[in-house]
């Protein structure tokens, strides 16, 4: 999980500078304790991993923009298992 809002903004800036989906996946794998991939049926997004009991962080981190993937992967349990197998935290929204 992210420690401070300052760290979150720094990591978001690094992530948002990435130009390809492959590089995004590599970054998410290397930073799987901070970020998760959020799968939907019409887009693939990225979000910070936030403690569900921390409302202040949820609101503050929710205001930090993170680029979506260029393509969407869809959303199903098998895809989540695949992402987690390769070391990327994933969930459906």
Protein backbone atom coordinates (compact mmCIF):
# COMPACT_ATOMS: atom_id res chain seq x y z
CA UNK A 1 0.00 0.00 0.00
CA UNK A 2 1.01 3.57 -0.59
CA UNK A 3 2.51 5.33 2.44
CA UNK A 4 1.94 9.04 1.73
CA UNK A 5 0.06 11.20 -0.77
CA UNK A 6 3.43 12.62 -1.86
CA UNK A 7 4.62 9.09 -2.72
CA UNK A 8 1.36 8.42 -4.54
CA UNK A 9 1.76 11.51 -6.72
CA UNK A 10 5.38 10.59 -7.48
CA UNK A 11 4.43 7.05 -8.49
CA UNK A 12 1.44 8.29 -10.52
CA UNK A 13 3.72 10.64 -12.46
CA UNK A 14 6.08 7.76 -13.30
CA UNK A 15 3.18 5.48 -14.28
CA UNK A 16 1.44 8.14 -16.40
CA UNK A 17 4.65 8.74 -18.39
CA UNK A 18 4.58 5.13 -19.63
CA UNK A 19 3.46 4.90 -23.24
CA UNK A 20 2.77 1.22 -23.99
CA UNK A 21 0.54 -1.41 -22.41
CA UNK A 22 3.48 -3.82 -22.12
CA UNK A 23 5.51 -1.26 -20.16
CA UNK A 24 2.46 -0.52 -17.99
CA UNK A 25 2.12 -4.22 -17.15
CA UNK A 26 5.82 -4.45 -16.31
CA UNK A 27 5.52 -1.40 -14.05
CA UNK A 28 2.44 -2.80 -12.30
CA UNK A 29 4.19 -6.10 -11.72
CA UNK A 30 7.18 -4.31 -10.19
CA UNK A 31 4.87 -2.18 -8.03
CA UNK A 32 2.14 -4.67 -7.15
CA UNK A 33 2.10 -3.56 -3.52
CA UNK A 34 1.03 -0.04 -4.59
CA UNK A 35 -1.12 -0.48 -7.71
CA UNK A 36 -3.81 -2.83 -8.95
CA UNK A 37 -5.32 -3.33 -12.37
CA UNK A 38 -9.09 -2.85 -12.44
CA UNK A 39 -10.88 -4.81 -15.14
CA UNK A 40 -14.19 -3.77 -16.63
CA UNK A 41 -16.08 -4.89 -19.72
CA UNK A 42 -15.28 -1.71 -21.63
CA UNK A 43 -11.97 -0.43 -20.20
CA UNK A 44 -8.93 -1.45 -18.20
CA UNK A 45 -7.98 0.96 -15.45
CA UNK A 46 -5.33 1.26 -12.78
CA UNK A 47 -5.91 2.18 -9.16
CA UNK A 48 -3.94 2.49 -5.96
CA UNK A 49 -4.31 -0.28 -3.40
CA UNK A 50 -6.09 1.41 -0.50
CA UNK A 51 -7.02 0.11 2.94
CA UNK A 52 -10.83 -0.12 2.90
CA UNK A 53 -10.97 1.36 6.41
CA UNK A 54 -9.02 4.50 5.50
CA UNK A 55 -11.61 6.95 4.16
CA UNK A 56 -9.18 9.91 4.08
CA UNK A 57 -6.67 8.10 1.89
CA UNK A 58 -9.44 6.74 -0.32
CA UNK A 59 -10.66 10.24 -1.10
CA UNK A 60 -7.19 11.77 -1.52
CA UNK A 61 -5.86 8.96 -3.71
CA UNK A 62 -9.05 8.88 -5.73
CA UNK A 63 -8.29 12.41 -6.91
CA UNK A 64 -4.93 11.39 -8.43
CA UNK A 65 -5.38 10.62 -12.12
CA UNK A 66 -3.95 7.37 -13.48
CA UNK A 67 -4.00 6.62 -17.21
CA UNK A 68 -6.12 3.72 -18.42
CA UNK A 69 -4.78 1.08 -20.77
CA UNK A 70 -5.09 1.66 -24.52
CA UNK A 71 -7.07 -1.56 -24.94
CA UNK A 72 -9.37 -3.38 -22.61
CA UNK A 73 -8.83 -6.97 -21.51
CA UNK A 74 -12.36 -7.75 -20.36
CA UNK A 75 -13.31 -8.98 -16.92
CA UNK A 76 -13.59 -12.55 -15.69
CA UNK A 77 -12.21 -14.71 -12.90
CA UNK A 78 -9.80 -16.53 -15.19
CA UNK A 79 -8.20 -13.28 -16.29
CA UNK A 80 -7.82 -12.13 -12.69
CA UNK A 81 -6.15 -15.46 -11.87
CA UNK A 82 -3.79 -15.00 -14.81
CA UNK A 83 -2.80 -11.48 -13.75
CA UNK A 84 -2.26 -12.63 -10.18
CA UNK A 85 -0.24 -15.63 -11.37
CA UNK A 86 2.19 -13.29 -13.14
CA UNK A 87 2.37 -11.02 -10.08
CA UNK A 88 -0.10 -8.23 -10.84
CA UNK A 89 -2.87 -7.45 -8.37
CA UNK A 90 -6.21 -7.41 -10.22
CA UNK A 91 -9.92 -7.07 -9.58
CA UNK A 92 -13.15 -6.55 -11.50
CA UNK A 93 -15.09 -3.37 -10.92
